[in-house]
Amino acid sequence: MEVEVGKVTHYFDHIHVAALSLTSSLKVGDMIHIHGHSADFIQSVTSMEIEHHSVVWVKPGDDVAIKVIEPVHPHDLVYKVVEDVHMPIA
């Protein structure tokens, strides 16, 4: 299952970093899916920065920079990949 957490606002191609505007929380270690016109990939969040300071967790409304494994574009959507919680069978 995937939950939308934000969108790409800028991409710095020379350092492979995407700037994101978030609508939900995100932390280092989360799996994200970035999807847009020419981007469609899943990766782990390995590092995040806010104004050049490393952070491990961000909240809705934050603008954060993350390393990405493929090029992205402004307006690409970012989803957090979450595990489905299955109810035990009685």
PDB file of N, CA and C in Angstrom:
ATOM      1  N   MET A   1       0.848  -1.175   0.000  1.00  0.00           N
ATOM      2  CA  MET A   1       0.000   0.000   0.000  1.00  0.00           C
ATOM      3  C   MET A   1       0.897   1.242   0.000  1.00  0.00           C
ATOM      4  N   GLU A   2       0.422   2.301  -0.632  1.00  0.00           N
ATOM      5  CA  GLU A   2       1.186   3.554  -0.682  1.00  0.00           C
ATOM      6  C   GLU A   2       0.314   4.720  -0.233  1.00  0.00           C
ATOM      7  N   VAL A   3       0.953   5.655   0.464  1.00  0.00           N
ATOM      8  CA  VAL A   3       0.279   6.853   0.952  1.00  0.00           C
ATOM      9  C   VAL A   3       1.036   8.061   0.433  1.00  0.00           C
ATOM     10  N   GLU A   4       0.339   8.987  -0.216  1.00  0.00           N
ATOM     11  CA  GLU A   4       1.008  10.190  -0.724  1.00  0.00           C
ATOM     12  C   GLU A   4       1.529  11.023   0.438  1.00  0.00           C
ATOM     13  N   VAL A   5       2.809  11.432   0.339  1.00  0.00           N
ATOM     14  CA  VAL A   5       3.425  12.226   1.406  1.00  0.00           C
ATOM     15  C   VAL A   5       3.930  13.584   0.923  1.00  0.00           C
ATOM     16  N   GLY A   6       3.886  13.834  -0.380  1.00  0.00           N
ATOM     17  CA  GLY A   6       4.349  15.130  -0.866  1.00  0.00           C
ATOM     18  C   GLY A   6       4.643  15.122  -2.344  1.00  0.00           C
ATOM     19  N   LYS A   7       5.359  16.178  -2.764  1.00  0.00           N
ATOM     20  CA  LYS A   7       5.731  16.278  -4.172  1.00  0.00           C
ATOM     21  C   LYS A   7       7.102  16.910  -4.301  1.00  0.00           C
ATOM     22  N   VAL A   8       7.714  16.653  -5.445  1.00  0.00           N
ATOM     23  CA  VAL A   8       9.020  17.230  -5.750  1.00  0.00           C
ATOM     24  C   VAL A   8       8.824  18.692  -6.146  1.00  0.00           C
ATOM     25  N   THR A   9       9.637  19.577  -5.569  1.00  0.00           N
ATOM     26  CA  THR A   9       9.576  20.992  -5.943  1.00  0.00           C
ATOM     27  C   THR A   9      10.788  21.416  -6.768  1.00  0.00           C
ATOM     28  N   HIS A  10      11.902  20.668  -6.643  1.00  0.00           N
ATOM     29  CA  HIS A  10      13.113  21.004  -7.397  1.00  0.00           C
ATOM     30  C   HIS A  10      14.027  19.784  -7.429  1.00  0.00           C
ATOM     31  N   TYR A  11      14.855  19.702  -8.473  1.00  0.00           N
ATOM     32  CA  TYR A  11      15.833  18.623  -8.573  1.00  0.00           C
ATOM     33  C   TYR A  11      17.191  19.215  -8.893  1.00  0.00           C
ATOM     34  N   PHE A  12      18.181  18.867  -8.080  1.00  0.00           N
ATOM     35  CA  PHE A  12      19.549  19.319  -8.275  1.00  0.00           C
ATOM     36  C   PHE A  12      20.308  18.164  -8.920  1.00  0.00           C
ATOM     37  N   ASP A  13      20.383  18.164 -10.258  1.00  0.00           N
ATOM     38  CA  ASP A  13      20.916  17.006 -10.969  1.00  0.00           C
ATOM     39  C   ASP A  13      22.394  16.763 -10.711  1.00  0.00           C
ATOM     40  N   HIS A  14      23.180  17.797 -10.462  1.00  0.00           N
ATOM     41  CA  HIS A  14      24.616  17.608 -10.252  1.00  0.00           C
ATOM     42  C   HIS A  14      24.939  16.899  -8.938  1.00  0.00           C
ATOM     43  N   ILE A  15      24.005  16.887  -7.983  1.00  0.00           N
ATOM     44  CA  ILE A  15      24.232  16.181  -6.721  1.00  0.00           C
ATOM     45  C   ILE A  15      23.156  15.114  -6.453  1.00  0.00           C
ATOM     46  N   HIS A  16      22.256  14.904  -7.400  1.00  0.00           N
ATOM     47  CA  HIS A  16      21.204  13.878  -7.293  1.00  0.00           C
ATOM     48  C   HIS A  16      20.356  14.056  -6.038  1.00  0.00           C
ATOM     49  N   VAL A  17      19.886  15.278  -5.831  1.00  0.00           N
ATOM     50  CA  VAL A  17      19.077  15.607  -4.660  1.00  0.00           C
ATOM     51  C   VAL A  17      17.757  16.210  -5.117  1.00  0.00           C
ATOM     52  N   ALA A  18      16.675  15.747  -4.480  1.00  0.00           N
ATOM     53  CA  ALA A  18      15.347  16.287  -4.753  1.00  0.00           C
ATOM     54  C   ALA A  18      14.879  17.094  -3.553  1.00  0.00           C
ATOM     55  N   ALA A  19      14.289  18.250  -3.821  1.00  0.00           N
ATOM     56  CA  ALA A  19      13.641  19.032  -2.772  1.00  0.00           C
ATOM     57  C   ALA A  19      12.168  18.646  -2.776  1.00  0.00           C
ATOM     58  N   LEU A  20      11.646  18.331  -1.595  1.00  0.00           N
ATOM     59  CA  LEU A  20      10.269  17.883  -1.465  1.00  0.00           C
ATOM     60  C   LEU A  20       9.480  18.814  -0.567  1.00  0.00           C
ATOM     61  N   SER A  21       8.219  19.013  -0.908  1.00  0.00           N
ATOM     62  CA  SER A  21       7.267  19.694  -0.044  1.00  0.00           C
ATOM     63  C   SER A  21       6.361  18.604   0.512  1.00  0.00           C
ATOM     64  N   LEU A  22       6.341  18.440   1.836  1.00  0.00           N
ATOM     65  CA  LEU A  22       5.666  17.301   2.445  1.00  0.00           C
ATOM     66  C   LEU A  22       4.283  17.629   2.993  1.00  0.00           C
ATOM     67  N   THR A  23       3.384  16.668   2.841  1.00  0.00           N
ATOM     68  CA  THR A  23       2.038  16.766   3.402  1.00  0.00           C
ATOM     69  C   THR A  23       1.841  15.736   4.508  1.00  0.00           C
ATOM     70  N   SER A  24       2.867  14.919   4.752  1.00  0.00           N
ATOM     71  CA  SER A  24       2.826  13.886   5.785  1.00  0.00           C
ATOM     72  C   SER A  24       4.243  13.686   6.322  1.00  0.00           C
ATOM     73  N   SER A  25       4.367  12.991   7.435  1.00  0.00           N
ATOM     74  CA  SER A  25       5.690  12.787   8.034  1.00  0.00           C
ATOM     75  C   SER A  25       6.487  11.749   7.248  1.00  0.00           C
ATOM     76  N   LEU A  26       7.810  11.833   7.388  1.00  0.00           N
ATOM     77  CA  LEU A  26       8.727  10.937   6.699  1.00  0.00           C
ATOM     78  C   LEU A  26       9.965  10.799   7.568  1.00  0.00           C
ATOM     79  N   LYS A  27      10.582   9.612   7.555  1.00  0.00           N
ATOM     80  CA  LYS A  27      11.804   9.420   8.353  1.00  0.00           C
ATOM     81  C   LYS A  27      12.828   8.634   7.558  1.00  0.00           C
ATOM     82  N   VAL A  28      14.083   8.764   7.973  1.00  0.00           N
ATOM     83  CA  VAL A  28      15.165   7.997   7.361  1.00  0.00           C
ATOM     84  C   VAL A  28      14.837   6.520   7.546  1.00  0.00           C
ATOM     85  N   GLY A  29      14.988   5.757   6.479  1.00  0.00           N
ATOM     86  CA  GLY A  29      14.667   4.339   6.513  1.00  0.00           C
ATOM     87  C   GLY A  29      13.348   3.999   5.850  1.00  0.00           C
ATOM     88  N   ASP A  30      12.458   4.999   5.701  1.00  0.00           N
ATOM     89  CA  ASP A  30      11.190   4.761   5.008  1.00  0.00           C
ATOM     90  C   ASP A  30      11.443   4.416   3.550  1.00  0.00           C
ATOM     91  N   MET A  31      10.595   3.579   2.996  1.00  0.00           N
ATOM     92  CA  MET A  31      10.615   3.294   1.563  1.00  0.00           C
ATOM     93  C   MET A  31       9.662   4.268   0.889  1.00  0.00           C
ATOM     94  N   ILE A  32      10.138   4.908  -0.193  1.00  0.00           N
ATOM     95  CA  ILE A  32       9.284   5.848  -0.925  1.00  0.00           C
ATOM     96  C   ILE A  32       9.198   5.439  -2.389  1.00  0.00           C
ATOM     97  N   HIS A  33       8.114   5.835  -3.015  1.00  0.00           N
ATOM     98  CA  HIS A  33       7.881   5.620  -4.449  1.00  0.00           C
ATOM     99  C   HIS A  33       7.702   6.999  -5.059  1.00  0.00           C
ATOM    100  N   ILE A  34       8.570   7.349  -5.995  1.00  0.00           N
ATOM    101  CA  ILE A  34       8.448   8.632  -6.696  1.00  0.00           C
ATOM    102  C   ILE A  34       7.905   8.338  -8.080  1.00  0.00           C
ATOM    103  N   HIS A  35       6.799   9.019  -8.409  1.00  0.00           N
ATOM    104  CA  HIS A  35       6.113   8.753  -9.670  1.00  0.00           C
ATOM    105  C   HIS A  35       5.767  10.076 -10.357  1.00  0.00           C
ATOM    106  N   GLY A  36       6.109  10.151 -11.627  1.00  0.00           N
ATOM    107  CA  GLY A  36       5.791  11.334 -12.418  1.00  0.00           C
ATOM    108  C   GLY A  36       5.791  10.991 -13.886  1.00  0.00           C
ATOM    109  N   HIS A  37       5.875  12.025 -14.727  1.00  0.00           N
ATOM    110  CA  HIS A  37       5.826  11.837 -16.175  1.00  0.00           C
ATOM    111  C   HIS A  37       6.917  10.895 -16.664  1.00  0.00           C
ATOM    112  N   SER A  38       8.138  11.062 -16.163  1.00  0.00           N
ATOM    113  CA  SER A  38       9.239  10.204 -16.611  1.00  0.00           C
ATOM    114  C   SER A  38       9.954   9.497 -15.465  1.00  0.00           C
ATOM    115  N   ALA A  39       9.433   9.611 -14.255  1.00  0.00           N
ATOM    116  CA  ALA A  39      10.043   8.952 -13.093  1.00  0.00           C
ATOM    117  C   ALA A  39       9.057   7.946 -12.513  1.00  0.00           C
ATOM    118  N   ASP A  40       9.568   6.785 -12.152  1.00  0.00           N
ATOM    119  CA  ASP A  40       8.744   5.761 -11.511  1.00  0.00           C
ATOM    120  C   ASP A  40       9.677   4.749 -10.858  1.00  0.00           C
ATOM    121  N   PHE A  41      10.041   5.003  -9.607  1.00  0.00           N
ATOM    122  CA  PHE A  41      10.967   4.115  -8.913  1.00  0.00           C
ATOM    123  C   PHE A  41      10.712   4.128  -7.413  1.00  0.00           C
ATOM    124  N   ILE A  42      11.203   3.076  -6.758  1.00  0.00           N
ATOM    125  CA  ILE A  42      11.091   2.932  -5.309  1.00  0.00           C
ATOM    126  C   ILE A  42      12.504   2.927  -4.731  1.00  0.00           C
ATOM    127  N   GLN A  43      12.672   3.631  -3.624  1.00  0.00           N
ATOM    128  CA  GLN A  43      13.968   3.667  -2.949  1.00  0.00           C
ATOM    129  C   GLN A  43      13.761   3.885  -1.464  1.00  0.00           C
ATOM    130  N   SER A  44      14.812   3.609  -0.705  1.00  0.00           N
ATOM    131  CA  SER A  44      14.819   3.884   0.718  1.00  0.00           C
ATOM    132  C   SER A  44      15.311   5.316   0.935  1.00  0.00           C
ATOM    133  N   VAL A  45      14.772   5.990   1.943  1.00  0.00           N
ATOM    134  CA  VAL A  45      15.262   7.317   2.319  1.00  0.00           C
ATOM    135  C   VAL A  45      16.525   7.102   3.137  1.00  0.00           C
ATOM    136  N   THR A  46      17.673   7.475   2.571  1.00  0.00           N
ATOM    137  CA  THR A  46      18.953   7.230   3.249  1.00  0.00           C
ATOM    138  C   THR A  46      19.464   8.451   4.006  1.00  0.00           C
ATOM    139  N   SER A  47      19.053   9.654   3.575  1.00  0.00           N
ATOM    140  CA  SER A  47      19.457  10.874   4.277  1.00  0.00           C
ATOM    141  C   SER A  47      18.484  11.984   3.924  1.00  0.00           C
ATOM    142  N   MET A  48      18.317  12.912   4.861  1.00  0.00           N
ATOM    143  CA  MET A  48      17.443  14.068   4.650  1.00  0.00           C
ATOM    144  C   MET A  48      18.103  15.293   5.259  1.00  0.00           C
ATOM    145  N   GLU A  49      17.859  16.438   4.629  1.00  0.00           N
ATOM    146  CA  GLU A  49      18.372  17.700   5.161  1.00  0.00           C
ATOM    147  C   GLU A  49      17.301  18.781   5.076  1.00  0.00           C
ATOM    148  N   ILE A  50      17.291  19.641   6.088  1.00  0.00           N
ATOM    149  CA  ILE A  50      16.498  20.861   6.072  1.00  0.00           C
ATOM    150  C   ILE A  50      17.477  21.998   6.255  1.00  0.00           C
ATOM    151  N   GLU A  51      17.543  22.873   5.264  1.00  0.00           N
ATOM    152  CA  GLU A  51      18.466  24.013   5.284  1.00  0.00           C
ATOM    153  C   GLU A  51      19.886  23.586   5.658  1.00  0.00           C
ATOM    154  N   HIS A  52      20.395  22.553   4.996  1.00  0.00           N
ATOM    155  CA  HIS A  52      21.764  22.051   5.133  1.00  0.00           C
ATOM    156  C   HIS A  52      22.066  21.402   6.479  1.00  0.00           C
ATOM    157  N   HIS A  53      21.023  21.050   7.243  1.00  0.00           N
ATOM    158  CA  HIS A  53      21.199  20.347   8.512  1.00  0.00           C
ATOM    159  C   HIS A  53      20.562  18.971   8.387  1.00  0.00           C
ATOM    160  N   SER A  54      21.335  17.925   8.703  1.00  0.00           N
ATOM    161  CA  SER A  54      20.803  16.566   8.631  1.00  0.00           C
ATOM    162  C   SER A  54      19.687  16.379   9.654  1.00  0.00           C
ATOM    163  N   VAL A  55      18.635  15.686   9.213  1.00  0.00           N
ATOM    164  CA  VAL A  55      17.513  15.356  10.094  1.00  0.00           C
ATOM    165  C   VAL A  55      17.159  13.891   9.870  1.00  0.00           C
ATOM    166  N   VAL A  56      16.513  13.281  10.854  1.00  0.00           N
ATOM    167  CA  VAL A  56      16.105  11.883  10.709  1.00  0.00           C
ATOM    168  C   VAL A  56      14.594  11.741  10.584  1.00  0.00           C
ATOM    169  N   TRP A  57      13.850  12.822  10.862  1.00  0.00           N
ATOM    170  CA  TRP A  57      12.391  12.788  10.809  1.00  0.00           C
ATOM    171  C   TRP A  57      11.889  14.174  10.431  1.00  0.00           C
ATOM    172  N   VAL A  58      10.882  14.213   9.569  1.00  0.00           N
ATOM    173  CA  VAL A  58      10.281  15.489   9.172  1.00  0.00           C
ATOM    174  C   VAL A  58       8.769  15.377   9.290  1.00  0.00           C
ATOM    175  N   LYS A  59       8.128  16.530   9.463  1.00  0.00           N
ATOM    176  CA  LYS A  59       6.680  16.555   9.687  1.00  0.00           C
ATOM    177  C   LYS A  59       5.965  17.217   8.511  1.00  0.00           C
ATOM    178  N   PRO A  60       4.648  17.069   8.451  1.00  0.00           N
ATOM    179  CA  PRO A  60       3.896  17.727   7.381  1.00  0.00           C
ATOM    180  C   PRO A  60       4.180  19.228   7.357  1.00  0.00           C
ATOM    181  N   GLY A  61       4.327  19.768   6.158  1.00  0.00           N
ATOM    182  CA  GLY A  61       4.611  21.196   5.998  1.00  0.00           C
ATOM    183  C   GLY A  61       6.086  21.502   5.840  1.00  0.00           C
ATOM    184  N   ASP A  62       6.948  20.543   6.171  1.00  0.00           N
ATOM    185  CA  ASP A  62       8.386  20.755   6.019  1.00  0.00           C
ATOM    186  C   ASP A  62       8.798  20.665   4.553  1.00  0.00           C
ATOM    187  N   ASP A  63       9.826  21.405   4.207  1.00  0.00           N
ATOM    188  CA  ASP A  63      10.490  21.289   2.911  1.00  0.00           C
ATOM    189  C   ASP A  63      11.827  20.623   3.189  1.00  0.00           C
ATOM    190  N   VAL A  64      12.064  19.487   2.553  1.00  0.00           N
ATOM    191  CA  VAL A  64      13.229  18.670   2.870  1.00  0.00           C
ATOM    192  C   VAL A  64      13.944  18.278   1.583  1.00  0.00           C
ATOM    193  N   ALA A  65      15.246  18.058   1.690  1.00  0.00           N
ATOM    194  CA  ALA A  65      16.046  17.588   0.559  1.00  0.00           C
ATOM    195  C   ALA A  65      16.465  16.154   0.835  1.00  0.00           C
ATOM    196  N   ILE A  66      16.321  15.294  -0.193  1.00  0.00           N
ATOM    197  CA  ILE A  66      16.742  13.902  -0.046  1.00  0.00           C
ATOM    198  C   ILE A  66      17.569  13.485  -1.257  1.00  0.00           C
ATOM    199  N   LYS A  67      18.502  12.560  -1.033  1.00  0.00           N
ATOM    200  CA  LYS A  67      19.254  11.945  -2.124  1.00  0.00           C
ATOM    201  C   LYS A  67      18.316  11.011  -2.867  1.00  0.00           C
ATOM    202  N   VAL A  68      18.356  11.057  -4.212  1.00  0.00           N
ATOM    203  CA  VAL A  68      17.533  10.155  -5.010  1.00  0.00           C
ATOM    204  C   VAL A  68      18.421   9.347  -5.949  1.00  0.00           C
ATOM    205  N   ILE A  69      17.933   8.155  -6.312  1.00  0.00           N
ATOM    206  CA  ILE A  69      18.726   7.239  -7.132  1.00  0.00           C
ATOM    207  C   ILE A  69      18.503   7.433  -8.624  1.00  0.00           C
ATOM    208  N   GLU A  70      17.472   8.212  -8.991  1.00  0.00           N
ATOM    209  CA  GLU A  70      17.179   8.500 -10.395  1.00  0.00           C
ATOM    210  C   GLU A  70      16.742   9.956 -10.507  1.00  0.00           C
ATOM    211  N   PRO A  71      16.855  10.541 -11.704  1.00  0.00           N
ATOM    212  CA  PRO A  71      16.386  11.921 -11.883  1.00  0.00           C
ATOM    213  C   PRO A  71      14.881  12.039 -11.651  1.00  0.00           C
ATOM    214  N   VAL A  72      14.477  13.170 -11.089  1.00  0.00           N
ATOM    215  CA  VAL A  72      13.063  13.481 -10.860  1.00  0.00           C
ATOM    216  C   VAL A  72      12.778  14.872 -11.407  1.00  0.00           C
ATOM    217  N   HIS A  73      11.507  15.255 -11.404  1.00  0.00           N
ATOM    218  CA  HIS A  73      11.102  16.557 -11.933  1.00  0.00           C
ATOM    219  C   HIS A  73      10.108  17.216 -10.983  1.00  0.00           C
ATOM    220  N   PRO A  74      10.045  18.547 -11.000  1.00  0.00           N
ATOM    221  CA  PRO A  74       9.025  19.234 -10.200  1.00  0.00           C
ATOM    222  C   PRO A  74       7.637  18.675 -10.513  1.00  0.00           C
ATOM    223  N   HIS A  75       6.829  18.553  -9.496  1.00  0.00           N
ATOM    224  CA  HIS A  75       5.449  18.050  -9.542  1.00  0.00           C
ATOM    225  C   HIS A  75       5.360  16.527  -9.526  1.00  0.00           C
ATOM    226  N   ASP A  76       6.515  15.795  -9.584  1.00  0.00           N
ATOM    227  CA  ASP A  76       6.447  14.345  -9.389  1.00  0.00           C
ATOM    228  C   ASP A  76       5.901  14.100  -7.984  1.00  0.00           C
ATOM    229  N   LEU A  77       5.060  13.087  -7.843  1.00  0.00           N
ATOM    230  CA  LEU A  77       4.463  12.779  -6.549  1.00  0.00           C
ATOM    231  C   LEU A  77       5.331  11.788  -5.779  1.00  0.00           C
ATOM    232  N   VAL A  78       5.322  11.936  -4.456  1.00  0.00           N
ATOM    233  CA  VAL A  78       6.102  11.076  -3.573  1.00  0.00           C
ATOM    234  C   VAL A  78       5.130  10.335  -2.660  1.00  0.00           C
ATOM    235  N   TYR A  79       5.280   9.008  -2.640  1.00  0.00           N
ATOM    236  CA  TYR A  79       4.440   8.148  -1.817  1.00  0.00           C
ATOM    237  C   TYR A  79       5.311   7.380  -0.834  1.00  0.00           C
ATOM    238  N   LYS A  80       4.797   7.177   0.386  1.00  0.00           N
ATOM    239  CA  LYS A  80       5.463   6.305   1.344  1.00  0.00           C
ATOM    240  C   LYS A  80       4.880   4.906   1.150  1.00  0.00           C
ATOM    241  N   VAL A  81       5.765   3.920   1.023  1.00  0.00           N
ATOM    242  CA  VAL A  81       5.333   2.533   0.882  1.00  0.00           C
ATOM    243  C   VAL A  81       5.149   1.978   2.286  1.00  0.00           C
ATOM    244  N   VAL A  82       3.917   1.568   2.599  1.00  0.00           N
ATOM    245  CA  VAL A  82       3.618   1.047   3.935  1.00  0.00           C
ATOM    246  C   VAL A  82       3.112  -0.381   3.818  1.00  0.00           C
ATOM    247  N   GLU A  83       3.450  -1.184   4.804  1.00  0.00           N
ATOM    248  CA  GLU A  83       3.021  -2.582   4.828  1.00  0.00           C
ATOM    249  C   GLU A  83       1.539  -2.640   5.195  1.00  0.00           C
ATOM    250  N   ASP A  84       0.819  -3.546   4.545  1.00  0.00           N
ATOM    251  CA  ASP A  84      -0.566  -3.797   4.925  1.00  0.00           C
ATOM    252  C   ASP A  84      -0.564  -4.575   6.236  1.00  0.00           C
ATOM    253  N   VAL A  85      -1.423  -4.179   7.136  1.00  0.00           N
ATOM    254  CA  VAL A  85      -1.555  -4.919   8.394  1.00  0.00           C
ATOM    255  C   VAL A  85      -2.711  -5.892   8.215  1.00  0.00           C
ATOM    256  N   HIS A  86      -2.399  -7.176   8.258  1.00  0.00           N
ATOM    257  CA  HIS A  86      -3.426  -8.196   8.070  1.00  0.00           C
ATOM    258  C   HIS A  86      -3.949  -8.657   9.406  1.00  0.00           C
ATOM    259  N   MET A  87      -5.256  -8.790   9.463  1.00  0.00           N
ATOM    260  CA  MET A  87      -5.872  -9.295  10.675  1.00  0.00           C
ATOM    261  C   MET A  87      -5.680 -10.815  10.716  1.00  0.00           C
ATOM    262  N   PRO A  88      -5.415 -11.365  11.881  1.00  0.00           N
ATOM    263  CA  PRO A  88      -5.264 -12.823  11.975  1.00  0.00           C
ATOM    264  C   PRO A  88      -6.586 -13.520  11.648  1.00  0.00           C
ATOM    265  N   ILE A  89      -6.464 -14.674  11.046  1.00  0.00           N
ATOM    266  CA  ILE A  89      -7.650 -15.453  10.699  1.00  0.00           C
ATOM    267  C   ILE A  89      -8.053 -16.270  11.919  1.00  0.00           C
ATOM    268  N   ALA A  90      -9.323 -16.150  12.297  1.00  0.00           N
ATOM    269  CA  ALA A  90      -9.811 -16.853  13.491  1.00  0.00           C
ATOM    270  C   ALA A  90     -10.153 -18.288  13.185  1.00  0.00           C
TER     271      ALA A  90
END
